C-alpha atoms as a PDB file:
ATOM      1  CA  MET A   1     -79.352 -21.023 -44.601  1.00  0.00           C
ATOM      2  CA  ASN A   2     -78.718 -24.633 -45.210  1.00  0.00           C
ATOM      3  CA  LEU A   3     -75.706 -26.002 -43.441  1.00  0.00           C
ATOM      4  CA  TRP A   4     -75.270 -28.806 -46.017  1.00  0.00           C
ATOM      5  CA  GLN A   5     -76.709 -29.827 -49.486  1.00  0.00           C
ATOM      6  CA  GLN A   6     -76.132 -33.525 -49.560  1.00  0.00           C
ATOM      7  CA  TYR A   7     -76.077 -36.161 -46.805  1.00  0.00           C
ATOM      8  CA  LEU A   8     -74.573 -39.620 -47.551  1.00  0.00           C
ATOM      9  CA  ARG A   9     -74.335 -42.732 -45.426  1.00  0.00           C
ATOM     10  CA  PRO A  10     -71.887 -45.284 -46.860  1.00  0.00           C
ATOM     11  CA  ARG A  11     -71.898 -48.874 -45.540  1.00  0.00           C
ATOM     12  CA  SER A  12     -68.289 -49.627 -45.862  1.00  0.00           C
ATOM     13  CA  LEU A  13     -64.869 -47.873 -45.446  1.00  0.00           C
ATOM     14  CA  THR A  14     -64.193 -48.265 -49.194  1.00  0.00           C
ATOM     15  CA  GLU A  15     -67.502 -46.653 -50.138  1.00  0.00           C
ATOM     16  CA  ALA A  16     -66.855 -43.832 -47.666  1.00  0.00           C
ATOM     17  CA  LEU A  17     -63.365 -43.089 -49.156  1.00  0.00           C
ATOM     18  CA  GLN A  18     -64.750 -43.160 -52.668  1.00  0.00           C
ATOM     19  CA  VAL A  19     -67.454 -40.680 -51.622  1.00  0.00           C
ATOM     20  CA  LEU A  20     -64.748 -38.353 -50.022  1.00  0.00           C
ATOM     21  CA  HIS A  21     -62.915 -38.387 -53.427  1.00  0.00           C
ATOM     22  CA  SER A  22     -65.893 -37.920 -55.653  1.00  0.00           C
ATOM     23  CA  ALA A  23     -68.567 -35.831 -53.754  1.00  0.00           C
ATOM     24  CA  PRO A  24     -68.736 -32.089 -54.431  1.00  0.00           C
ATOM     25  CA  SER A  25     -66.618 -29.985 -52.068  1.00  0.00           C
ATOM     26  CA  PRO A  26     -66.550 -28.944 -49.347  1.00  0.00           C
ATOM     27  CA  VAL A  27     -66.938 -32.408 -47.721  1.00  0.00           C
ATOM     28  CA  ARG A  28     -67.069 -33.210 -43.955  1.00  0.00           C
ATOM     29  CA  VAL A  29     -67.319 -36.556 -42.223  1.00  0.00           C
ATOM     30  CA  ILE A  30     -69.806 -36.856 -39.323  1.00  0.00           C
ATOM     31  CA  ALA A  31     -70.384 -39.501 -36.768  1.00  0.00           C
ATOM     32  CA  GLY A  32     -71.759 -38.153 -33.421  1.00  0.00           C
ATOM     33  CA  GLY A  33     -71.721 -34.623 -34.769  1.00  0.00           C
ATOM     34  CA  THR A  34     -71.813 -33.079 -31.347  1.00  0.00           C
ATOM     35  CA  ASP A  35     -68.849 -30.693 -32.104  1.00  0.00           C
ATOM     36  CA  LEU A  36     -69.437 -30.410 -35.829  1.00  0.00           C
ATOM     37  CA  MET A  37     -73.072 -29.235 -35.695  1.00  0.00           C
ATOM     38  CA  LEU A  38     -72.242 -26.579 -33.172  1.00  0.00           C
ATOM     39  CA  ASP A  39     -69.380 -25.373 -35.199  1.00  0.00           C
ATOM     40  CA  LEU A  40     -71.515 -25.129 -38.343  1.00  0.00           C
ATOM     41  CA  LYS A  41     -74.453 -23.503 -36.582  1.00  0.00           C
ATOM     42  CA  GLN A  42     -72.338 -20.956 -34.847  1.00  0.00           C
ATOM     43  CA  GLY A  43     -70.345 -20.037 -37.927  1.00  0.00           C
ATOM     44  CA  ARG A  44     -66.959 -21.349 -36.798  1.00  0.00           C
ATOM     45  CA  LEU A  45     -66.976 -23.488 -39.940  1.00  0.00           C
ATOM     46  CA  PRO A  46     -68.293 -22.491 -43.371  1.00  0.00           C
ATOM     47  CA  PRO A  47     -71.318 -24.427 -44.775  1.00  0.00           C
ATOM     48  CA  VAL A  48     -70.515 -27.736 -46.320  1.00  0.00           C
ATOM     49  CA  HIS A  49     -71.877 -29.307 -49.521  1.00  0.00           C
ATOM     50  CA  THR A  50     -71.655 -33.002 -48.469  1.00  0.00           C
ATOM     51  CA  LEU A  51     -71.827 -34.688 -45.110  1.00  0.00           C
ATOM     52  CA  VAL A  52     -70.529 -38.243 -44.956  1.00  0.00           C
ATOM     53  CA  ASP A  53     -72.042 -40.239 -42.042  1.00  0.00           C
ATOM     54  CA  LEU A  54     -69.724 -42.954 -40.813  1.00  0.00           C
ATOM     55  CA  THR A  55     -71.972 -44.516 -38.182  1.00  0.00           C
ATOM     56  CA  GLY A  56     -73.154 -47.321 -40.426  1.00  0.00           C
ATOM     57  CA  ILE A  57     -69.580 -48.641 -41.085  1.00  0.00           C
ATOM     58  CA  SER A  58     -69.233 -51.847 -38.914  1.00  0.00           C
ATOM     59  CA  GLU A  59     -65.424 -51.650 -38.888  1.00  0.00           C
ATOM     60  CA  MET A  60     -65.568 -48.322 -37.047  1.00  0.00           C
ATOM     61  CA  ASN A  61     -68.019 -49.471 -34.509  1.00  0.00           C
ATOM     62  CA  VAL A  62     -66.248 -52.321 -32.688  1.00  0.00           C
ATOM     63  CA  ILE A  63     -64.475 -52.930 -29.327  1.00  0.00           C
ATOM     64  CA  GLU A  64     -62.444 -56.131 -29.626  1.00  0.00           C
ATOM     65  CA  ILE A  65     -59.141 -57.948 -28.950  1.00  0.00           C
ATOM     66  CA  ARG A  66     -56.961 -58.216 -32.009  1.00  0.00           C
ATOM     67  CA  GLY A  67     -53.922 -60.253 -31.303  1.00  0.00           C
ATOM     68  CA  LYS A  68     -52.177 -58.703 -28.334  1.00  0.00           C
ATOM     69  CA  GLU A  69     -53.959 -55.342 -28.584  1.00  0.00           C
ATOM     70  CA  LEU A  70     -57.288 -53.807 -27.854  1.00  0.00           C
ATOM     71  CA  PHE A  71     -58.959 -52.144 -30.879  1.00  0.00           C
ATOM     72  CA  ILE A  72     -61.604 -49.524 -30.507  1.00  0.00           C
ATOM     73  CA  GLY A  73     -63.416 -48.199 -33.675  1.00  0.00           C
ATOM     74  CA  ALA A  74     -63.380 -44.418 -34.143  1.00  0.00           C
ATOM     75  CA  ALA A  75     -67.156 -44.323 -34.504  1.00  0.00           C
ATOM     76  CA  THR A  76     -67.787 -46.022 -31.246  1.00  0.00           C
ATOM     77  CA  PRO A  77     -70.001 -43.816 -28.861  1.00  0.00           C
ATOM     78  CA  LEU A  78     -68.408 -42.716 -25.650  1.00  0.00           C
ATOM     79  CA  SER A  79     -71.113 -44.307 -23.555  1.00  0.00           C
ATOM     80  CA  GLN A  80     -70.244 -47.757 -24.973  1.00  0.00           C
ATOM     81  CA  ILE A  81     -66.516 -47.271 -24.266  1.00  0.00           C
ATOM     82  CA  ALA A  82     -67.392 -46.062 -20.632  1.00  0.00           C
ATOM     83  CA  THR A  83     -69.324 -49.200 -19.894  1.00  0.00           C
ATOM     84  CA  SER A  84     -67.259 -51.759 -21.816  1.00  0.00           C
ATOM     85  CA  PRO A  85     -65.763 -54.532 -19.612  1.00  0.00           C
ATOM     86  CA  LEU A  86     -62.952 -54.984 -22.164  1.00  0.00           C
ATOM     87  CA  VAL A  87     -61.975 -51.317 -21.982  1.00  0.00           C
ATOM     88  CA  GLU A  88     -62.275 -51.328 -18.224  1.00  0.00           C
ATOM     89  CA  GLU A  89     -59.955 -54.267 -17.968  1.00  0.00           C
ATOM     90  CA  HIS A  90     -57.257 -53.036 -20.373  1.00  0.00           C
ATOM     91  CA  ALA A  91     -57.587 -49.213 -20.409  1.00  0.00           C
ATOM     92  CA  ARG A  92     -59.402 -48.060 -17.337  1.00  0.00           C
ATOM     93  CA  ALA A  93     -58.208 -44.492 -17.718  1.00  0.00           C
ATOM     94  CA  LEU A  94     -60.231 -44.436 -20.997  1.00  0.00           C
ATOM     95  CA  THR A  95     -63.405 -45.650 -19.421  1.00  0.00           C
ATOM     96  CA  GLU A  96     -63.062 -43.015 -16.628  1.00  0.00           C
ATOM     97  CA  ALA A  97     -62.363 -40.266 -19.164  1.00  0.00           C
ATOM     98  CA  CYS A  98     -65.269 -41.248 -21.511  1.00  0.00           C
ATOM     99  CA  GLY A  99     -67.639 -41.452 -18.554  1.00  0.00           C
ATOM    100  CA  LEU A 100     -66.909 -37.869 -17.589  1.00  0.00           C
ATOM    101  CA  ILE A 101     -67.330 -36.156 -20.997  1.00  0.00           C
ATOM    102  CA  ALA A 102     -70.419 -33.957 -21.190  1.00  0.00           C
ATOM    103  CA  GLY A 103     -73.676 -35.519 -20.093  1.00  0.00           C
ATOM    104  CA  PRO A 104     -75.422 -38.922 -20.796  1.00  0.00           C
ATOM    105  CA  GLN A 105     -77.325 -37.656 -23.925  1.00  0.00           C
ATOM    106  CA  VAL A 106     -74.081 -36.404 -25.513  1.00  0.00           C
ATOM    107  CA  ARG A 107     -72.133 -39.530 -24.638  1.00  0.00           C
ATOM    108  CA  ASN A 108     -74.735 -41.682 -26.357  1.00  0.00           C
ATOM    109  CA  VAL A 109     -73.918 -40.127 -29.752  1.00  0.00           C
ATOM    110  CA  ALA A 110     -70.440 -38.498 -29.411  1.00  0.00           C
ATOM    111  CA  THR A 111     -67.586 -40.750 -30.566  1.00  0.00           C
ATOM    112  CA  LEU A 112     -64.020 -41.373 -29.493  1.00  0.00           C
ATOM    113  CA  GLY A 113     -62.768 -40.566 -33.118  1.00  0.00           C
ATOM    114  CA  GLY A 114     -64.549 -37.194 -32.960  1.00  0.00           C
ATOM    115  CA  ASN A 115     -63.007 -36.434 -29.499  1.00  0.00           C
ATOM    116  CA  VAL A 116     -59.600 -37.102 -30.998  1.00  0.00           C
ATOM    117  CA  ALA A 117     -60.105 -35.612 -34.488  1.00  0.00           C
ATOM    118  CA  HIS A 118     -61.250 -32.307 -32.959  1.00  0.00           C
ATOM    119  CA  ALA A 119     -57.686 -32.031 -31.771  1.00  0.00           C
ATOM    120  CA  LEU A 120     -58.273 -30.035 -28.571  1.00  0.00           C
ATOM    121  CA  PRO A 121     -55.257 -29.892 -26.220  1.00  0.00           C
ATOM    122  CA  ALA A 122     -57.365 -30.942 -23.172  1.00  0.00           C
ATOM    123  CA  ALA A 123     -59.897 -33.399 -24.685  1.00  0.00           C
ATOM    124  CA  ASP A 124     -60.519 -35.941 -22.020  1.00  0.00           C
ATOM    125  CA  GLY A 125     -60.547 -39.116 -24.308  1.00  0.00           C
ATOM    126  CA  THR A 126     -57.435 -37.893 -26.047  1.00  0.00           C
ATOM    127  CA  ILE A 127     -55.465 -37.273 -22.799  1.00  0.00           C
ATOM    128  CA  ALA A 128     -56.340 -40.773 -21.696  1.00  0.00           C
ATOM    129  CA  LEU A 129     -55.371 -42.403 -24.949  1.00  0.00           C
ATOM    130  CA  THR A 130     -52.039 -40.409 -24.977  1.00  0.00           C
ATOM    131  CA  ALA A 131     -50.995 -41.876 -21.516  1.00  0.00           C
ATOM    132  CA  LEU A 132     -52.058 -45.358 -22.651  1.00  0.00           C
ATOM    133  CA  GLY A 133     -49.584 -45.593 -25.506  1.00  0.00           C
ATOM    134  CA  THR A 134     -52.199 -45.516 -28.232  1.00  0.00           C
ATOM    135  CA  GLN A 135     -51.685 -45.811 -31.937  1.00  0.00           C
ATOM    136  CA  ALA A 136     -54.162 -44.364 -34.437  1.00  0.00           C
ATOM    137  CA  LEU A 137     -55.212 -46.489 -37.439  1.00  0.00           C
ATOM    138  CA  ILE A 138     -55.574 -44.363 -40.542  1.00  0.00           C
ATOM    139  CA  VAL A 139     -57.072 -45.628 -43.783  1.00  0.00           C
ATOM    140  CA  ASP A 140     -57.118 -44.373 -47.429  1.00  0.00           C
ATOM    141  CA  LEU A 141     -57.878 -46.056 -50.694  1.00  0.00           C
ATOM    142  CA  ASN A 142     -54.346 -47.326 -50.944  1.00  0.00           C
ATOM    143  CA  GLY A 143     -54.398 -49.174 -47.560  1.00  0.00           C
ATOM    144  CA  ARG A 144     -53.875 -48.596 -43.826  1.00  0.00           C
ATOM    145  CA  ARG A 145     -51.165 -47.100 -41.737  1.00  0.00           C
ATOM    146  CA  ARG A 146     -50.522 -46.715 -38.011  1.00  0.00           C
ATOM    147  CA  LEU A 147     -49.397 -43.465 -36.305  1.00  0.00           C
ATOM    148  CA  PRO A 148     -48.396 -42.898 -32.669  1.00  0.00           C
ATOM    149  CA  LEU A 149     -51.281 -40.786 -31.332  1.00  0.00           C
ATOM    150  CA  ALA A 150     -49.021 -37.720 -30.440  1.00  0.00           C
ATOM    151  CA  GLU A 151     -47.898 -37.577 -34.051  1.00  0.00           C
ATOM    152  CA  LEU A 152     -51.444 -37.152 -35.213  1.00  0.00           C
ATOM    153  CA  PHE A 153     -51.704 -33.640 -33.752  1.00  0.00           C
ATOM    154  CA  LEU A 154     -50.291 -30.523 -35.460  1.00  0.00           C
ATOM    155  CA  GLY A 155     -51.874 -27.803 -33.342  1.00  0.00           C
ATOM    156  CA  PRO A 156     -55.154 -26.780 -31.777  1.00  0.00           C
ATOM    157  CA  GLY A 157     -57.829 -28.088 -34.107  1.00  0.00           C
ATOM    158  CA  GLU A 158     -55.302 -29.521 -36.664  1.00  0.00           C
ATOM    159  CA  THR A 159     -54.438 -33.096 -37.458  1.00  0.00           C
ATOM    160  CA  ALA A 160     -52.099 -34.860 -39.823  1.00  0.00           C
ATOM    161  CA  LEU A 161     -55.123 -36.472 -41.557  1.00  0.00           C
ATOM    162  CA  LYS A 162     -55.264 -35.660 -45.234  1.00  0.00           C
ATOM    163  CA  VAL A 163     -58.640 -33.973 -45.719  1.00  0.00           C
ATOM    164  CA  GLY A 164     -60.766 -35.772 -48.320  1.00  0.00           C
ATOM    165  CA  GLN A 165     -58.313 -38.604 -48.626  1.00  0.00           C
ATOM    166  CA  GLU A 166     -57.950 -40.301 -45.169  1.00  0.00           C
ATOM    167  CA  LEU A 167     -60.275 -41.455 -42.352  1.00  0.00           C
ATOM    168  CA  LEU A 168     -59.457 -42.236 -38.845  1.00  0.00           C
ATOM    169  CA  GLU A 169     -60.596 -45.894 -38.540  1.00  0.00           C
ATOM    170  CA  GLY A 170     -59.855 -46.578 -34.938  1.00  0.00           C
ATOM    171  CA  PHE A 171     -57.279 -46.955 -32.173  1.00  0.00           C
ATOM    172  CA  TYR A 172     -54.914 -49.767 -31.025  1.00  0.00           C
ATOM    173  CA  LEU A 173     -54.081 -49.953 -27.318  1.00  0.00           C
ATOM    174  CA  PRO A 174     -51.722 -52.436 -25.575  1.00  0.00           C
ATOM    175  CA  LEU A 175     -53.413 -55.096 -23.474  1.00  0.00           C
ATOM    176  CA  CYS A 176     -52.954 -54.661 -19.726  1.00  0.00           C
ATOM    177  CA  SER A 177     -50.642 -57.207 -18.094  1.00  0.00           C
ATOM    178  CA  THR A 178     -50.057 -58.175 -14.506  1.00  0.00           C
ATOM    179  CA  GLY A 179     -48.695 -55.156 -12.441  1.00  0.00           C
ATOM    180  CA  GLN A 180     -49.980 -52.634 -15.002  1.00  0.00           C
ATOM    181  CA  ALA A 181     -52.764 -50.161 -14.420  1.00  0.00           C
ATOM    182  CA  SER A 182     -54.170 -46.768 -15.460  1.00  0.00           C
ATOM    183  CA  ALA A 183     -56.350 -43.936 -14.105  1.00  0.00           C
ATOM    184  CA  PHE A 184     -57.822 -40.660 -15.144  1.00  0.00           C
ATOM    185  CA  ASN A 185     -58.669 -37.621 -13.062  1.00  0.00           C
ATOM    186  CA  ARG A 186     -59.879 -34.129 -13.883  1.00  0.00           C
ATOM    187  CA  VAL A 187     -61.198 -30.808 -12.351  1.00  0.00           C
ATOM    188  CA  MET A 188     -63.802 -28.907 -14.324  1.00  0.00           C
ATOM    189  CA  ARG A 189     -66.534 -26.260 -13.874  1.00  0.00           C
ATOM    190  CA  VAL A 190     -69.715 -27.358 -12.173  1.00  0.00           C
ATOM    191  CA  GLN A 191     -72.005 -27.088 -15.282  1.00  0.00           C
ATOM    192  CA  GLY A 192     -70.643 -30.403 -16.450  1.00  0.00           C
ATOM    193  CA  ILE A 193     -70.300 -29.729 -20.160  1.00  0.00           C
ATOM    194  CA  ALA A 194     -67.249 -27.598 -20.506  1.00  0.00           C
ATOM    195  CA  LEU A 195     -63.654 -28.623 -21.136  1.00  0.00           C
ATOM    196  CA  PRO A 196     -61.738 -29.322 -18.031  1.00  0.00           C
ATOM    197  CA  ILE A 197     -59.758 -26.756 -16.143  1.00  0.00           C
ATOM    198  CA  LEU A 198     -57.124 -29.498 -15.856  1.00  0.00           C
ATOM    199  CA  ASN A 199     -57.076 -33.204 -16.497  1.00  0.00           C
ATOM    200  CA  LEU A 200     -54.434 -35.925 -16.017  1.00  0.00           C
ATOM    201  CA  ALA A 201     -53.970 -39.533 -16.955  1.00  0.00           C
ATOM    202  CA  ILE A 202     -51.369 -42.042 -15.800  1.00  0.00           C
ATOM    203  CA  TRP A 203     -50.491 -45.556 -16.852  1.00  0.00           C
ATOM    204  CA  LEU A 204     -47.739 -47.401 -15.001  1.00  0.00           C
ATOM    205  CA  GLU A 205     -46.183 -50.806 -14.436  1.00  0.00           C
ATOM    206  CA  ARG A 206     -45.174 -51.864 -10.881  1.00  0.00           C
ATOM    207  CA  LYS A 207     -42.430 -54.353 -10.335  1.00  0.00           C
ATOM    208  CA  ASN A 208     -40.602 -55.336  -7.071  1.00  0.00           C
ATOM    209  CA  GLY A 209     -42.176 -52.460  -5.211  1.00  0.00           C
ATOM    210  CA  ASN A 210     -41.033 -49.788  -7.645  1.00  0.00           C
ATOM    211  CA  ILE A 211     -42.425 -48.063 -10.726  1.00  0.00           C
ATOM    212  CA  SER A 212     -40.703 -49.771 -13.642  1.00  0.00           C
ATOM    213  CA  GLN A 213     -42.518 -47.877 -16.452  1.00  0.00           C
ATOM    214  CA  ILE A 214     -44.828 -44.858 -16.408  1.00  0.00           C
ATOM    215  CA  HIS A 215     -46.711 -42.615 -18.899  1.00  0.00           C
ATOM    216  CA  ILE A 216     -48.218 -39.258 -17.798  1.00  0.00           C
ATOM    217  CA  SER A 217     -50.290 -36.905 -19.865  1.00  0.00           C
ATOM    218  CA  ALA A 218     -52.212 -33.826 -18.770  1.00  0.00           C
ATOM    219  CA  GLY A 219     -54.184 -31.090 -20.549  1.00  0.00           C
ATOM    220  CA  PRO A 220     -54.144 -28.377 -21.469  1.00  0.00           C
ATOM    221  CA  SER A 221     -50.385 -28.381 -21.269  1.00  0.00           C
ATOM    222  CA  GLY A 222     -49.538 -26.996 -24.703  1.00  0.00           C
ATOM    223  CA  PRO A 223     -50.983 -26.688 -28.248  1.00  0.00           C
ATOM    224  CA  THR A 224     -51.260 -30.394 -28.595  1.00  0.00           C
ATOM    225  CA  PRO A 225     -51.759 -33.431 -26.234  1.00  0.00           C
ATOM    226  CA  ARG A 226     -48.489 -34.957 -25.108  1.00  0.00           C
ATOM    227  CA  ARG A 227     -46.575 -36.845 -22.461  1.00  0.00           C
ATOM    228  CA  PHE A 228     -44.010 -35.588 -20.032  1.00  0.00           C
ATOM    229  CA  PRO A 229     -40.735 -37.564 -20.530  1.00  0.00           C
ATOM    230  CA  LYS A 230     -38.692 -35.859 -17.933  1.00  0.00           C
ATOM    231  CA  THR A 231     -41.331 -36.353 -15.237  1.00  0.00           C
ATOM    232  CA  GLU A 232     -41.745 -39.939 -16.275  1.00  0.00           C
ATOM    233  CA  GLU A 233     -37.995 -40.621 -16.159  1.00  0.00           C
ATOM    234  CA  ALA A 234     -37.843 -39.179 -12.613  1.00  0.00           C
ATOM    235  CA  LEU A 235     -40.533 -41.488 -11.348  1.00  0.00           C
ATOM    236  CA  CYS A 236     -39.076 -44.604 -12.930  1.00  0.00           C
ATOM    237  CA  ARG A 237     -37.392 -47.151 -10.566  1.00  0.00           C
ATOM    238  CA  GLN A 238     -38.877 -45.435  -7.572  1.00  0.00           C
ATOM    239  CA  PRO A 239     -41.428 -46.532  -5.001  1.00  0.00           C
ATOM    240  CA  PHE A 240     -44.650 -44.527  -4.482  1.00  0.00           C
ATOM    241  CA  THR A 241     -44.388 -42.130  -1.549  1.00  0.00           C
ATOM    242  CA  SER A 242     -45.943 -38.744  -0.726  1.00  0.00           C
ATOM    243  CA  GLU A 243     -42.425 -37.152  -0.472  1.00  0.00           C
ATOM    244  CA  PHE A 244     -41.461 -38.574  -3.875  1.00  0.00           C
ATOM    245  CA  CYS A 245     -44.718 -37.256  -5.412  1.00  0.00           C
ATOM    246  CA  GLU A 246     -43.688 -33.748  -4.215  1.00  0.00           C
ATOM    247  CA  ARG A 247     -40.267 -34.084  -5.907  1.00  0.00           C
ATOM    248  CA  ALA A 248     -41.998 -35.284  -9.132  1.00  0.00           C
ATOM    249  CA  LEU A 249     -44.320 -32.404  -9.093  1.00  0.00           C
ATOM    250  CA  VAL A 250     -41.431 -29.951  -9.033  1.00  0.00           C
ATOM    251  CA  ILE A 251     -40.032 -31.636 -12.162  1.00  0.00           C
ATOM    252  CA  MET A 252     -43.489 -31.697 -13.866  1.00  0.00           C
ATOM    253  CA  LEU A 253     -44.046 -27.993 -13.292  1.00  0.00           C
ATOM    254  CA  ASP A 254     -40.599 -27.231 -14.766  1.00  0.00           C
ATOM    255  CA  GLU A 255     -41.303 -29.330 -17.822  1.00  0.00           C
ATOM    256  CA  VAL A 256     -44.923 -28.092 -18.298  1.00  0.00           C
ATOM    257  CA  HIS A 257     -45.769 -24.395 -18.073  1.00  0.00           C
ATOM    258  CA  PHE A 258     -49.624 -24.290 -17.687  1.00  0.00           C
ATOM    259  CA  ARG A 259     -50.999 -21.225 -19.377  1.00  0.00           C
ATOM    260  CA  ALA A 260     -53.580 -18.911 -17.930  1.00  0.00           C
ATOM    261  CA  SER A 261     -57.090 -18.828 -19.488  1.00  0.00           C
ATOM    262  CA  PRO A 262     -59.430 -15.845 -18.890  1.00  0.00           C
ATOM    263  CA  HIS A 263     -62.387 -18.284 -19.177  1.00  0.00           C
ATOM    264  CA  ARG A 264     -61.167 -21.153 -17.129  1.00  0.00           C
ATOM    265  CA  ALA A 265     -58.295 -20.692 -14.750  1.00  0.00           C
ATOM    266  CA  SER A 266     -55.052 -18.929 -13.970  1.00  0.00           C
ATOM    267  CA  SER A 267     -51.714 -20.683 -14.470  1.00  0.00           C
ATOM    268  CA  GLU A 268     -51.146 -20.584 -10.688  1.00  0.00           C
ATOM    269  CA  TYR A 269     -54.347 -22.339  -9.973  1.00  0.00           C
ATOM    270  CA  ARG A 270     -53.578 -24.961 -12.592  1.00  0.00           C
ATOM    271  CA  GLN A 271     -50.279 -25.624 -10.835  1.00  0.00           C
ATOM    272  CA  HIS A 272     -52.096 -26.041  -7.634  1.00  0.00           C
ATOM    273  CA  LEU A 273     -54.539 -28.501  -9.337  1.00  0.00           C
ATOM    274  CA  ALA A 274     -51.544 -30.347 -10.842  1.00  0.00           C
ATOM    275  CA  ALA A 275     -50.255 -31.235  -7.428  1.00  0.00           C
ATOM    276  CA  VAL A 276     -53.535 -32.534  -6.302  1.00  0.00           C
ATOM    277  CA  LEU A 277     -54.261 -34.537  -9.417  1.00  0.00           C
ATOM    278  CA  LEU A 278     -50.715 -35.969  -9.688  1.00  0.00           C
ATOM    279  CA  GLN A 279     -50.710 -37.299  -6.107  1.00  0.00           C
ATOM    280  CA  ASP A 280     -54.234 -38.585  -6.155  1.00  0.00           C
ATOM    281  CA  THR A 281     -53.900 -40.263  -9.629  1.00  0.00           C
ATOM    282  CA  LEU A 282     -50.579 -41.757  -8.834  1.00  0.00           C
ATOM    283  CA  LYS A 283     -51.941 -43.200  -5.652  1.00  0.00           C
ATOM    284  CA  THR A 284     -54.966 -44.708  -7.358  1.00  0.00           C
ATOM    285  CA  VAL A 285     -53.004 -46.300 -10.237  1.00  0.00           C
ATOM    286  CA  TRP A 286     -50.287 -47.559  -7.807  1.00  0.00           C
ATOM    287  CA  GLN A 287     -52.896 -49.356  -5.763  1.00  0.00           C
ATOM    288  CA  ARG A 288     -54.565 -50.726  -8.952  1.00  0.00           C
ATOM    289  CA  ALA A 289     -51.323 -52.099 -10.272  1.00  0.00           C
ATOM    290  CA  ARG A 290     -50.844 -54.131  -7.076  1.00  0.00           C
END
């Protein structure tokens, strides 16, 4: 059985959006296709009529500074992000996350936009982007709009993108200033291709020996990727110490109830890992911010 009937490769965003509107349904966009092809072959998605390949669109394949922000195109392969000096300078948590996803062959074709659009609660790239204060750039035939990344997700596998009308063009991230840093950490099964048992990303700003601002995201911590405002508030205006990490963990575990998974880990084991990851990642990012 054919998984698709028509394969189109537009050269611009406008052409891609026009194809989405006019091509016979059902239509799916593809870039790396590492998730989409598996879903189609294994029957988790019905066969499609038209695949729209976004890899030839230059606007979606860039990593560059735009004003006071870093822009990363949604069709940029994970391997390019993992080795980009610009991303390492301004969003190190993202380089670390992208460098841990799957294996080298997958990272060479899988894209950051696909990692986000798949809307998994523990996707490594998504968790890093959430902690980094990212905004998604969404485009349709009427123009562009920005959306805070957390507002893009509606549930597992569901996003706010209007199917057949909108595309995820890329991501805007704040530039890293003096005293600011980020880090990403995770624990996963040894085969190296599965979703993590638990992952965690932190961005913080250090001033006068204290944490002045902090963003924390971990997954899976619910149906959608998110930050932990109560834990962040508890850590603000405080210096980094082991004792303080322990108190912050208590607040975090009260705010986030890690669920058990028969295939990956019990909730108790995830709570144990959260303690390890929180302390280790906080220590790393605190030292980097110095």
